[in-house]
Structures are given as structure tokens and as C-alpha cells.
Amino acid sequence: QDAFTYLDDVKFTFTDRPHVYQQFLDIMKDFKNGEIDTPRVIERVVKLFVGWDDLLDGFNTFLPPGYEIQCSKKTDSNDVKVSTPGGSVVRLNSPIPPLLLDETDPRPT
């Protein structure tokens, strides 16, 4: 799946909620501009698209090697799990998911 097809899928999915599509574009713009890193883009996209497993699964195509979003259809639960290059798995199952922090992040945990 290429980026344009994925964007079309997102736009079509949220035809009746264009603000969601715009939020996604804003997230990707922040990522492209270096304002957020890979864990933050994953966190925000998962929060935005929770319940739309096909969109979350499709987003894996654009993640760097070692990162993978595993949706409920893969895990047989309502959780979303994110694998990281270090081999850790983070469960994102709350309305506001926990940060995917690394040891260099200055924010408190």
C-alpha cells in the first residue's frame, strides 16, 4: 500500500468526520517536521484510529523497521499492542494511551 492510497483510505473512512482526517494530517506534518518522534506518532495515530484496525494495520507499512502495531484482530482482545525495535511490547488500551517512552525522554513517567 502506498502513501496516497492510505491517505485516500483514511479520508474515505472519516468522510463524515473531516476533523479526524485533518488531525491525522497534522500528526504526520509534526512527524515530518521533526516535532514528534516515532513513538509519539504511533501513540497519536493509535489514539486517533482506535477501533479502525484496518487503518492501524495499514499504518505499519510506514513505520521504521522494528516497530509494529498489533490490533485486536491479531491479539483476540480489545488491546492495541506496539512492538518496538528493542523488543518491548507496549499495550495501549486506555482512552489516553501511555507514552512509548525511552530512557532519554525527559518527561516524567
PDB file of N, CA and C in Angstrom:
ATOM      1  N   GLN A   1       0.850  -1.179   0.000  1.00  0.00           N
ATOM      2  CA  GLN A   1       0.000   0.000   0.000  1.00  0.00           C
ATOM      3  C   GLN A   1       0.896   1.244   0.000  1.00  0.00           C
ATOM      4  N   ASP A   2       0.620   2.154  -0.917  1.00  0.00           N
ATOM      5  CA  ASP A   2       1.428   3.365  -0.959  1.00  0.00           C
ATOM      6  C   ASP A   2       0.757   4.466  -0.136  1.00  0.00           C
ATOM      7  N   ALA A   3       1.497   5.545   0.078  1.00  0.00           N
ATOM      8  CA  ALA A   3       1.035   6.632   0.949  1.00  0.00           C
ATOM      9  C   ALA A   3      -0.255   7.268   0.436  1.00  0.00           C
ATOM     10  N   PHE A   4      -0.370   7.460  -0.855  1.00  0.00           N
ATOM     11  CA  PHE A   4      -1.561   8.107  -1.402  1.00  0.00           C
ATOM     12  C   PHE A   4      -2.809   7.243  -1.237  1.00  0.00           C
ATOM     13  N   THR A   5      -2.664   5.951  -1.442  1.00  0.00           N
ATOM     14  CA  THR A   5      -3.786   5.036  -1.241  1.00  0.00           C
ATOM     15  C   THR A   5      -4.207   5.037   0.218  1.00  0.00           C
ATOM     16  N   TYR A   6      -3.229   5.020   1.114  1.00  0.00           N
ATOM     17  CA  TYR A   6      -3.538   5.033   2.539  1.00  0.00           C
ATOM     18  C   TYR A   6      -4.264   6.331   2.919  1.00  0.00           C
ATOM     19  N   LEU A   7      -3.777   7.464   2.434  1.00  0.00           N
ATOM     20  CA  LEU A   7      -4.442   8.743   2.713  1.00  0.00           C
ATOM     21  C   LEU A   7      -5.879   8.744   2.198  1.00  0.00           C
ATOM     22  N   ASP A   8      -6.089   8.178   1.022  1.00  0.00           N
ATOM     23  CA  ASP A   8      -7.447   8.062   0.485  1.00  0.00           C
ATOM     24  C   ASP A   8      -8.324   7.201   1.389  1.00  0.00           C
ATOM     25  N   ASP A   9      -7.752   6.097   1.901  1.00  0.00           N
ATOM     26  CA  ASP A   9      -8.500   5.221   2.805  1.00  0.00           C
ATOM     27  C   ASP A   9      -8.903   5.965   4.076  1.00  0.00           C
ATOM     28  N   VAL A  10      -7.960   6.733   4.633  1.00  0.00           N
ATOM     29  CA  VAL A  10      -8.246   7.499   5.847  1.00  0.00           C
ATOM     30  C   VAL A  10      -9.330   8.542   5.560  1.00  0.00           C
ATOM     31  N   LYS A  11      -9.166   9.258   4.473  1.00  0.00           N
ATOM     32  CA  LYS A  11     -10.134  10.304   4.117  1.00  0.00           C
ATOM     33  C   LYS A  11     -11.525   9.705   3.900  1.00  0.00           C
ATOM     34  N   PHE A  12     -11.606   8.577   3.208  1.00  0.00           N
ATOM     35  CA  PHE A  12     -12.887   7.935   2.952  1.00  0.00           C
ATOM     36  C   PHE A  12     -13.531   7.443   4.252  1.00  0.00           C
ATOM     37  N   THR A  13     -12.713   6.842   5.127  1.00  0.00           N
ATOM     38  CA  THR A  13     -13.225   6.319   6.392  1.00  0.00           C
ATOM     39  C   THR A  13     -13.872   7.418   7.229  1.00  0.00           C
ATOM     40  N   PHE A  14     -13.287   8.614   7.163  1.00  0.00           N
ATOM     41  CA  PHE A  14     -13.768   9.709   8.004  1.00  0.00           C
ATOM     42  C   PHE A  14     -14.446  10.813   7.188  1.00  0.00           C
ATOM     43  N   THR A  15     -15.130  10.412   6.124  1.00  0.00           N
ATOM     44  CA  THR A  15     -15.846  11.369   5.282  1.00  0.00           C
ATOM     45  C   THR A  15     -16.811  12.222   6.106  1.00  0.00           C
ATOM     46  N   ASP A  16     -17.473  11.589   7.056  1.00  0.00           N
ATOM     47  CA  ASP A  16     -18.444  12.319   7.874  1.00  0.00           C
ATOM     48  C   ASP A  16     -17.817  13.016   9.078  1.00  0.00           C
ATOM     49  N   ARG A  17     -16.506  12.832   9.257  1.00  0.00           N
ATOM     50  CA  ARG A  17     -15.764  13.483  10.346  1.00  0.00           C
ATOM     51  C   ARG A  17     -14.441  14.022   9.814  1.00  0.00           C
ATOM     52  N   PRO A  18     -14.485  15.058   8.999  1.00  0.00           N
ATOM     53  CA  PRO A  18     -13.267  15.572   8.372  1.00  0.00           C
ATOM     54  C   PRO A  18     -12.220  16.066   9.369  1.00  0.00           C
ATOM     55  N   HIS A  19     -12.651  16.406  10.584  1.00  0.00           N
ATOM     56  CA  HIS A  19     -11.683  16.843  11.594  1.00  0.00           C
ATOM     57  C   HIS A  19     -10.721  15.717  11.976  1.00  0.00           C
ATOM     58  N   VAL A  20     -11.168  14.460  11.897  1.00  0.00           N
ATOM     59  CA  VAL A  20     -10.284  13.326  12.200  1.00  0.00           C
ATOM     60  C   VAL A  20      -9.216  13.212  11.118  1.00  0.00           C
ATOM     61  N   TYR A  21      -9.620  13.335   9.881  1.00  0.00           N
ATOM     62  CA  TYR A  21      -8.652  13.296   8.774  1.00  0.00           C
ATOM     63  C   TYR A  21      -7.646  14.435   8.922  1.00  0.00           C
ATOM     64  N   GLN A  22      -8.120  15.610   9.278  1.00  0.00           N
ATOM     65  CA  GLN A  22      -7.223  16.762   9.455  1.00  0.00           C
ATOM     66  C   GLN A  22      -6.262  16.533  10.621  1.00  0.00           C
ATOM     67  N   GLN A  23      -6.741  15.936  11.698  1.00  0.00           N
ATOM     68  CA  GLN A  23      -5.856  15.616  12.821  1.00  0.00           C
ATOM     69  C   GLN A  23      -4.752  14.662  12.380  1.00  0.00           C
ATOM     70  N   PHE A  24      -5.112  13.678  11.551  1.00  0.00           N
ATOM     71  CA  PHE A  24      -4.107  12.745  11.054  1.00  0.00           C
ATOM     72  C   PHE A  24      -3.057  13.486  10.223  1.00  0.00           C
ATOM     73  N   LEU A  25      -3.508  14.368   9.350  1.00  0.00           N
ATOM     74  CA  LEU A  25      -2.558  15.147   8.543  1.00  0.00           C
ATOM     75  C   LEU A  25      -1.652  15.997   9.432  1.00  0.00           C
ATOM     76  N   ASP A  26      -2.219  16.567  10.490  1.00  0.00           N
ATOM     77  CA  ASP A  26      -1.419  17.375  11.418  1.00  0.00           C
ATOM     78  C   ASP A  26      -0.373  16.528  12.140  1.00  0.00           C
ATOM     79  N   ILE A  27      -0.754  15.317  12.540  1.00  0.00           N
ATOM     80  CA  ILE A  27       0.190  14.403  13.185  1.00  0.00           C
ATOM     81  C   ILE A  27       1.346  14.095  12.241  1.00  0.00           C
ATOM     82  N   MET A  28       1.026  13.782  10.993  1.00  0.00           N
ATOM     83  CA  MET A  28       2.070  13.432  10.030  1.00  0.00           C
ATOM     84  C   MET A  28       2.958  14.630   9.715  1.00  0.00           C
ATOM     85  N   LYS A  29       2.377  15.823   9.677  1.00  0.00           N
ATOM     86  CA  LYS A  29       3.165  17.035   9.451  1.00  0.00           C
ATOM     87  C   LYS A  29       4.139  17.263  10.611  1.00  0.00           C
ATOM     88  N   ASP A  30       3.661  17.093  11.842  1.00  0.00           N
ATOM     89  CA  ASP A  30       4.534  17.237  13.012  1.00  0.00           C
ATOM     90  C   ASP A  30       5.681  16.229  12.965  1.00  0.00           C
ATOM     91  N   PHE A  31       5.365  15.011  12.531  1.00  0.00           N
ATOM     92  CA  PHE A  31       6.390  13.975  12.428  1.00  0.00           C
ATOM     93  C   PHE A  31       7.407  14.337  11.350  1.00  0.00           C
ATOM     94  N   LYS A  32       6.924  14.753  10.207  1.00  0.00           N
ATOM     95  CA  LYS A  32       7.820  15.119   9.102  1.00  0.00           C
ATOM     96  C   LYS A  32       8.728  16.277   9.483  1.00  0.00           C
ATOM     97  N   ASN A  33       8.200  17.228  10.263  1.00  0.00           N
ATOM     98  CA  ASN A  33       8.979  18.393  10.676  1.00  0.00           C
ATOM     99  C   ASN A  33       9.883  18.117  11.878  1.00  0.00           C
ATOM    100  N   GLY A  34       9.868  16.888  12.375  1.00  0.00           N
ATOM    101  CA  GLY A  34      10.727  16.523  13.495  1.00  0.00           C
ATOM    102  C   GLY A  34      10.222  16.999  14.848  1.00  0.00           C
ATOM    103  N   GLU A  35       8.960  17.411  14.906  1.00  0.00           N
ATOM    104  CA  GLU A  35       8.396  17.888  16.166  1.00  0.00           C
ATOM    105  C   GLU A  35       7.998  16.737  17.089  1.00  0.00           C
ATOM    106  N   ILE A  36       7.742  15.566  16.508  1.00  0.00           N
ATOM    107  CA  ILE A  36       7.479  14.367  17.297  1.00  0.00           C
ATOM    108  C   ILE A  36       8.285  13.215  16.708  1.00  0.00           C
ATOM    109  N   ASP A  37       8.605  12.232  17.554  1.00  0.00           N
ATOM    110  CA  ASP A  37       9.392  11.087  17.100  1.00  0.00           C
ATOM    111  C   ASP A  37       8.466   9.904  16.790  1.00  0.00           C
ATOM    112  N   THR A  38       9.063   8.786  16.412  1.00  0.00           N
ATOM    113  CA  THR A  38       8.285   7.614  16.006  1.00  0.00           C
ATOM    114  C   THR A  38       7.343   7.123  17.111  1.00  0.00           C
ATOM    115  N   PRO A  39       7.806   6.975  18.364  1.00  0.00           N
ATOM    116  CA  PRO A  39       6.860   6.534  19.395  1.00  0.00           C
ATOM    117  C   PRO A  39       5.674   7.491  19.569  1.00  0.00           C
ATOM    118  N   ARG A  40       5.911   8.788  19.455  1.00  0.00           N
ATOM    119  CA  ARG A  40       4.817   9.747  19.606  1.00  0.00           C
ATOM    120  C   ARG A  40       3.841   9.679  18.436  1.00  0.00           C
ATOM    121  N   VAL A  41       4.363   9.499  17.215  1.00  0.00           N
ATOM    122  CA  VAL A  41       3.457   9.399  16.068  1.00  0.00           C
ATOM    123  C   VAL A  41       2.599   8.142  16.197  1.00  0.00           C
ATOM    124  N   ILE A  42       3.192   7.055  16.673  1.00  0.00           N
ATOM    125  CA  ILE A  42       2.422   5.826  16.882  1.00  0.00           C
ATOM    126  C   ILE A  42       1.352   6.066  17.941  1.00  0.00           C
ATOM    127  N   GLU A  43       1.743   6.653  19.041  1.00  0.00           N
ATOM    128  CA  GLU A  43       0.797   6.914  20.132  1.00  0.00           C
ATOM    129  C   GLU A  43      -0.396   7.730  19.642  1.00  0.00           C
ATOM    130  N   ARG A  44      -0.121   8.783  18.905  1.00  0.00           N
ATOM    131  CA  ARG A  44      -1.196   9.662  18.437  1.00  0.00           C
ATOM    132  C   ARG A  44      -2.077   8.995  17.384  1.00  0.00           C
ATOM    133  N   VAL A  45      -1.456   8.241  16.479  1.00  0.00           N
ATOM    134  CA  VAL A  45      -2.237   7.555  15.447  1.00  0.00           C
ATOM    135  C   VAL A  45      -3.102   6.463  16.075  1.00  0.00           C
ATOM    136  N   VAL A  46      -2.553   5.720  17.029  1.00  0.00           N
ATOM    137  CA  VAL A  46      -3.344   4.688  17.704  1.00  0.00           C
ATOM    138  C   VAL A  46      -4.519   5.327  18.434  1.00  0.00           C
ATOM    139  N   LYS A  47      -4.277   6.419  19.128  1.00  0.00           N
ATOM    140  CA  LYS A  47      -5.359   7.102  19.844  1.00  0.00           C
ATOM    141  C   LYS A  47      -6.437   7.581  18.869  1.00  0.00           C
ATOM    142  N   LEU A  48      -6.015   8.109  17.743  1.00  0.00           N
ATOM    143  CA  LEU A  48      -6.947   8.644  16.756  1.00  0.00           C
ATOM    144  C   LEU A  48      -7.743   7.547  16.055  1.00  0.00           C
ATOM    145  N   PHE A  49      -7.082   6.430  15.748  1.00  0.00           N
ATOM    146  CA  PHE A  49      -7.695   5.382  14.938  1.00  0.00           C
ATOM    147  C   PHE A  49      -8.119   4.141  15.735  1.00  0.00           C
ATOM    148  N   VAL A  50      -8.122   4.214  17.055  1.00  0.00           N
ATOM    149  CA  VAL A  50      -8.503   3.039  17.841  1.00  0.00           C
ATOM    150  C   VAL A  50      -9.900   2.593  17.402  1.00  0.00           C
ATOM    151  N   GLY A  51     -10.030   1.284  17.141  1.00  0.00           N
ATOM    152  CA  GLY A  51     -11.288   0.736  16.634  1.00  0.00           C
ATOM    153  C   GLY A  51     -11.303   0.557  15.127  1.00  0.00           C
ATOM    154  N   TRP A  52     -10.418   1.204  14.415  1.00  0.00           N
ATOM    155  CA  TRP A  52     -10.290   1.056  12.960  1.00  0.00           C
ATOM    156  C   TRP A  52      -9.033   0.243  12.683  1.00  0.00           C
ATOM    157  N   ASP A  53      -9.151  -1.061  12.929  1.00  0.00           N
ATOM    158  CA  ASP A  53      -7.998  -1.950  12.841  1.00  0.00           C
ATOM    159  C   ASP A  53      -7.335  -1.945  11.469  1.00  0.00           C
ATOM    160  N   ASP A  54      -8.134  -1.825  10.412  1.00  0.00           N
ATOM    161  CA  ASP A  54      -7.546  -1.818   9.070  1.00  0.00           C
ATOM    162  C   ASP A  54      -6.639  -0.610   8.867  1.00  0.00           C
ATOM    163  N   LEU A  55      -7.043   0.546   9.402  1.00  0.00           N
ATOM    164  CA  LEU A  55      -6.193   1.741   9.277  1.00  0.00           C
ATOM    165  C   LEU A  55      -4.927   1.593  10.108  1.00  0.00           C
ATOM    166  N   LEU A  56      -5.064   1.049  11.313  1.00  0.00           N
ATOM    167  CA  LEU A  56      -3.869   0.854  12.145  1.00  0.00           C
ATOM    168  C   LEU A  56      -2.933  -0.164  11.507  1.00  0.00           C
ATOM    169  N   ASP A  57      -3.491  -1.234  10.985  1.00  0.00           N
ATOM    170  CA  ASP A  57      -2.671  -2.243  10.318  1.00  0.00           C
ATOM    171  C   ASP A  57      -1.972  -1.646   9.099  1.00  0.00           C
ATOM    172  N   GLY A  58      -2.681  -0.850   8.324  1.00  0.00           N
ATOM    173  CA  GLY A  58      -2.093  -0.213   7.150  1.00  0.00           C
ATOM    174  C   GLY A  58      -0.984   0.762   7.503  1.00  0.00           C
ATOM    175  N   PHE A  59      -1.083   1.381   8.673  1.00  0.00           N
ATOM    176  CA  PHE A  59      -0.064   2.335   9.096  1.00  0.00           C
ATOM    177  C   PHE A  59       1.282   1.652   9.337  1.00  0.00           C
ATOM    178  N   ASN A  60       1.277   0.347   9.622  1.00  0.00           N
ATOM    179  CA  ASN A  60       2.527  -0.396   9.824  1.00  0.00           C
ATOM    180  C   ASN A  60       3.470  -0.267   8.632  1.00  0.00           C
ATOM    181  N   THR A  61       2.910  -0.128   7.455  1.00  0.00           N
ATOM    182  CA  THR A  61       3.714  -0.007   6.235  1.00  0.00           C
ATOM    183  C   THR A  61       4.701   1.157   6.316  1.00  0.00           C
ATOM    184  N   PHE A  62       4.323   2.191   7.051  1.00  0.00           N
ATOM    185  CA  PHE A  62       5.117   3.412   7.085  1.00  0.00           C
ATOM    186  C   PHE A  62       6.019   3.517   8.309  1.00  0.00           C
ATOM    187  N   LEU A  63       5.988   2.507   9.177  1.00  0.00           N
ATOM    188  CA  LEU A  63       6.809   2.547  10.376  1.00  0.00           C
ATOM    189  C   LEU A  63       8.223   2.046  10.082  1.00  0.00           C
ATOM    190  N   PRO A  64       9.208   2.596  10.799  1.00  0.00           N
ATOM    191  CA  PRO A  64      10.580   2.106  10.636  1.00  0.00           C
ATOM    192  C   PRO A  64      10.679   0.642  11.071  1.00  0.00           C
ATOM    193  N   PRO A  65      11.711  -0.053  10.596  1.00  0.00           N
ATOM    194  CA  PRO A  65      11.903  -1.454  10.993  1.00  0.00           C
ATOM    195  C   PRO A  65      11.933  -1.597  12.514  1.00  0.00           C
ATOM    196  N   GLY A  66      11.282  -2.648  12.989  1.00  0.00           N
ATOM    197  CA  GLY A  66      11.261  -2.931  14.421  1.00  0.00           C
ATOM    198  C   GLY A  66      10.000  -2.479  15.126  1.00  0.00           C
ATOM    199  N   TYR A  67       9.269  -1.560  14.526  1.00  0.00           N
ATOM    200  CA  TYR A  67       8.002  -1.112  15.108  1.00  0.00           C
ATOM    201  C   TYR A  67       6.855  -1.843  14.426  1.00  0.00           C
ATOM    202  N   GLU A  68       5.871  -2.249  15.224  1.00  0.00           N
ATOM    203  CA  GLU A  68       4.675  -2.874  14.644  1.00  0.00           C
ATOM    204  C   GLU A  68       3.489  -2.636  15.563  1.00  0.00           C
ATOM    205  N   ILE A  69       2.392  -2.226  14.971  1.00  0.00           N
ATOM    206  CA  ILE A  69       1.135  -2.090  15.685  1.00  0.00           C
ATOM    207  C   ILE A  69       0.364  -3.382  15.481  1.00  0.00           C
ATOM    208  N   GLN A  70      -0.060  -4.005  16.584  1.00  0.00           N
ATOM    209  CA  GLN A  70      -0.839  -5.239  16.526  1.00  0.00           C
ATOM    210  C   GLN A  70      -2.227  -4.920  17.060  1.00  0.00           C
ATOM    211  N   CYS A  71      -3.212  -5.017  16.203  1.00  0.00           N
ATOM    212  CA  CYS A  71      -4.587  -4.671  16.562  1.00  0.00           C
ATOM    213  C   CYS A  71      -5.295  -5.843  17.207  1.00  0.00           C
ATOM    214  N   SER A  72      -6.483  -5.548  17.720  1.00  0.00           N
ATOM    215  CA  SER A  72      -7.265  -6.558  18.419  1.00  0.00           C
ATOM    216  C   SER A  72      -7.557  -7.778  17.550  1.00  0.00           C
ATOM    217  N   LYS A  73      -7.684  -7.569  16.247  1.00  0.00           N
ATOM    218  CA  LYS A  73      -7.980  -8.724  15.391  1.00  0.00           C
ATOM    219  C   LYS A  73      -6.814  -9.711  15.372  1.00  0.00           C
ATOM    220  N   LYS A  74      -5.601  -9.245  15.693  1.00  0.00           N
ATOM    221  CA  LYS A  74      -4.446 -10.138  15.765  1.00  0.00           C
ATOM    222  C   LYS A  74      -4.257 -10.707  17.168  1.00  0.00           C
ATOM    223  N   THR A  75      -4.707  -9.970  18.180  1.00  0.00           N
ATOM    224  CA  THR A  75      -4.426 -10.365  19.556  1.00  0.00           C
ATOM    225  C   THR A  75      -5.637 -10.939  20.278  1.00  0.00           C
ATOM    226  N   ASP A  76      -6.797 -10.997  19.623  1.00  0.00           N
ATOM    227  CA  ASP A  76      -8.029 -11.522  20.207  1.00  0.00           C
ATOM    228  C   ASP A  76      -8.415 -10.818  21.504  1.00  0.00           C
ATOM    229  N   SER A  77      -8.184  -9.531  21.582  1.00  0.00           N
ATOM    230  CA  SER A  77      -8.606  -8.728  22.729  1.00  0.00           C
ATOM    231  C   SER A  77      -8.899  -7.324  22.223  1.00  0.00           C
ATOM    232  N   ASN A  78      -9.276  -6.442  23.121  1.00  0.00           N
ATOM    233  CA  ASN A  78      -9.536  -5.062  22.741  1.00  0.00           C
ATOM    234  C   ASN A  78      -8.284  -4.205  22.802  1.00  0.00           C
ATOM    235  N   ASP A  79      -7.178  -4.786  23.153  1.00  0.00           N
ATOM    236  CA  ASP A  79      -5.929  -4.049  23.280  1.00  0.00           C
ATOM    237  C   ASP A  79      -5.298  -3.786  21.925  1.00  0.00           C
ATOM    238  N   VAL A  80      -4.514  -2.731  21.885  1.00  0.00           N
ATOM    239  CA  VAL A  80      -3.611  -2.492  20.769  1.00  0.00           C
ATOM    240  C   VAL A  80      -2.215  -2.630  21.360  1.00  0.00           C
ATOM    241  N   LYS A  81      -1.402  -3.435  20.729  1.00  0.00           N
ATOM    242  CA  LYS A  81      -0.036  -3.648  21.212  1.00  0.00           C
ATOM    243  C   LYS A  81       0.933  -3.076  20.197  1.00  0.00           C
ATOM    244  N   VAL A  82       2.000  -2.474  20.700  1.00  0.00           N
ATOM    245  CA  VAL A  82       3.020  -1.899  19.839  1.00  0.00           C
ATOM    246  C   VAL A  82       4.353  -2.539  20.186  1.00  0.00           C
ATOM    247  N   SER A  83       4.961  -3.173  19.195  1.00  0.00           N
ATOM    248  CA  SER A  83       6.296  -3.727  19.352  1.00  0.00           C
ATOM    249  C   SER A  83       7.305  -2.670  18.948  1.00  0.00           C
ATOM    250  N   THR A  84       8.410  -2.603  19.687  1.00  0.00           N
ATOM    251  CA  THR A  84       9.449  -1.616  19.419  1.00  0.00           C
ATOM    252  C   THR A  84      10.739  -2.316  19.005  1.00  0.00           C
ATOM    253  N   PRO A  85      11.679  -1.576  18.415  1.00  0.00           N
ATOM    254  CA  PRO A  85      12.929  -2.202  17.968  1.00  0.00           C
ATOM    255  C   PRO A  85      13.703  -2.885  19.097  1.00  0.00           C
ATOM    256  N   GLY A  86      13.556  -2.399  20.316  1.00  0.00           N
ATOM    257  CA  GLY A  86      14.241  -3.012  21.453  1.00  0.00           C
ATOM    258  C   GLY A  86      13.612  -4.310  21.897  1.00  0.00           C
ATOM    259  N   GLY A  87      12.500  -4.700  21.267  1.00  0.00           N
ATOM    260  CA  GLY A  87      11.847  -5.953  21.596  1.00  0.00           C
ATOM    261  C   GLY A  87      10.750  -5.826  22.636  1.00  0.00           C
ATOM    262  N   SER A  88      10.532  -4.632  23.147  1.00  0.00           N
ATOM    263  CA  SER A  88       9.469  -4.488  24.134  1.00  0.00           C
ATOM    264  C   SER A  88       8.115  -4.376  23.441  1.00  0.00           C
ATOM    265  N   VAL A  89       7.095  -4.731  24.183  1.00  0.00           N
ATOM    266  CA  VAL A  89       5.720  -4.630  23.694  1.00  0.00           C
ATOM    267  C   VAL A  89       4.960  -3.754  24.676  1.00  0.00           C
ATOM    268  N   VAL A  90       4.333  -2.715  24.151  1.00  0.00           N
ATOM    269  CA  VAL A  90       3.571  -1.783  24.964  1.00  0.00           C
ATOM    270  C   VAL A  90       2.102  -1.969  24.638  1.00  0.00           C
ATOM    271  N   ARG A  91       1.283  -2.120  25.664  1.00  0.00           N
ATOM    272  CA  ARG A  91      -0.163  -2.265  25.466  1.00  0.00           C
ATOM    273  C   ARG A  91      -0.800  -0.883  25.539  1.00  0.00           C
ATOM    274  N   LEU A  92      -1.573  -0.562  24.543  1.00  0.00           N
ATOM    275  CA  LEU A  92      -2.301   0.694  24.508  1.00  0.00           C
ATOM    276  C   LEU A  92      -3.775   0.367  24.539  1.00  0.00           C
ATOM    277  N   ASN A  93      -4.364   0.402  25.721  1.00  0.00           N
ATOM    278  CA  ASN A  93      -5.767   0.015  25.833  1.00  0.00           C
ATOM    279  C   ASN A  93      -6.593   1.004  26.630  1.00  0.00           C
ATOM    280  N   SER A  94      -6.028   2.165  26.933  1.00  0.00           N
ATOM    281  CA  SER A  94      -6.780   3.157  27.680  1.00  0.00           C
ATOM    282  C   SER A  94      -7.220   4.264  26.734  1.00  0.00           C
ATOM    283  N   PRO A  95      -8.201   5.089  27.143  1.00  0.00           N
ATOM    284  CA  PRO A  95      -8.631   6.179  26.274  1.00  0.00           C
ATOM    285  C   PRO A  95      -7.496   7.122  25.898  1.00  0.00           C
ATOM    286  N   ILE A  96      -6.579   7.362  26.821  1.00  0.00           N
ATOM    287  CA  ILE A  96      -5.391   8.146  26.514  1.00  0.00           C
ATOM    288  C   ILE A  96      -4.209   7.222  26.747  1.00  0.00           C
ATOM    289  N   PRO A  97      -3.623   6.675  25.673  1.00  0.00           N
ATOM    290  CA  PRO A  97      -2.585   5.663  25.835  1.00  0.00           C
ATOM    291  C   PRO A  97      -1.351   6.208  26.540  1.00  0.00           C
ATOM    292  N   PRO A  98      -0.637   5.325  27.247  1.00  0.00           N
ATOM    293  CA  PRO A  98       0.613   5.745  27.868  1.00  0.00           C
ATOM    294  C   PRO A  98       1.644   6.077  26.796  1.00  0.00           C
ATOM    295  N   LEU A  99       2.594   6.901  27.146  1.00  0.00           N
ATOM    296  CA  LEU A  99       3.651   7.243  26.195  1.00  0.00           C
ATOM    297  C   LEU A  99       4.558   6.051  25.983  1.00  0.00           C
ATOM    298  N   LEU A 100       5.081   5.957  24.792  1.00  0.00           N
ATOM    299  CA  LEU A 100       6.075   4.929  24.489  1.00  0.00           C
ATOM    300  C   LEU A 100       7.436   5.561  24.756  1.00  0.00           C
ATOM    301  N   LEU A 101       7.763   5.674  26.037  1.00  0.00           N
ATOM    302  CA  LEU A 101       8.950   6.423  26.427  1.00  0.00           C
ATOM    303  C   LEU A 101      10.210   5.576  26.266  1.00  0.00           C
ATOM    304  N   ASP A 102      11.276   6.239  25.929  1.00  0.00           N
ATOM    305  CA  ASP A 102      12.576   5.600  26.006  1.00  0.00           C
ATOM    306  C   ASP A 102      13.324   6.265  27.151  1.00  0.00           C
ATOM    307  N   GLU A 103      14.490   5.757  27.471  1.00  0.00           N
ATOM    308  CA  GLU A 103      15.217   6.237  28.642  1.00  0.00           C
ATOM    309  C   GLU A 103      15.696   7.667  28.505  1.00  0.00           C
ATOM    310  N   THR A 104      15.760   8.214  27.306  1.00  0.00           N
ATOM    311  CA  THR A 104      16.261   9.565  27.123  1.00  0.00           C
ATOM    312  C   THR A 104      15.156  10.612  27.178  1.00  0.00           C
ATOM    313  N   ASP A 105      13.919  10.188  27.324  1.00  0.00           N
ATOM    314  CA  ASP A 105      12.811  11.137  27.348  1.00  0.00           C
ATOM    315  C   ASP A 105      12.817  11.874  28.680  1.00  0.00           C
ATOM    316  N   PRO A 106      12.810  13.217  28.630  1.00  0.00           N
ATOM    317  CA  PRO A 106      12.906  13.985  29.874  1.00  0.00           C
ATOM    318  C   PRO A 106      11.603  14.087  30.649  1.00  0.00           C
ATOM    319  N   ARG A 107      10.484  13.661  30.074  1.00  0.00           N
ATOM    320  CA  ARG A 107       9.205  13.796  30.761  1.00  0.00           C
ATOM    321  C   ARG A 107       9.075  12.754  31.844  1.00  0.00           C
ATOM    322  N   PRO A 108       8.369  13.076  32.929  1.00  0.00           N
ATOM    323  CA  PRO A 108       8.162  12.086  33.999  1.00  0.00           C
ATOM    324  C   PRO A 108       7.260  10.959  33.537  1.00  0.00           C
ATOM    325  N   THR A 109       7.433   9.797  34.107  1.00  0.00           N
ATOM    326  CA  THR A 109       6.592   8.651  33.765  1.00  0.00           C
ATOM    327  C   THR A 109       5.547   8.425  34.817  1.00  0.00           C
TER     328      THR A 109
END
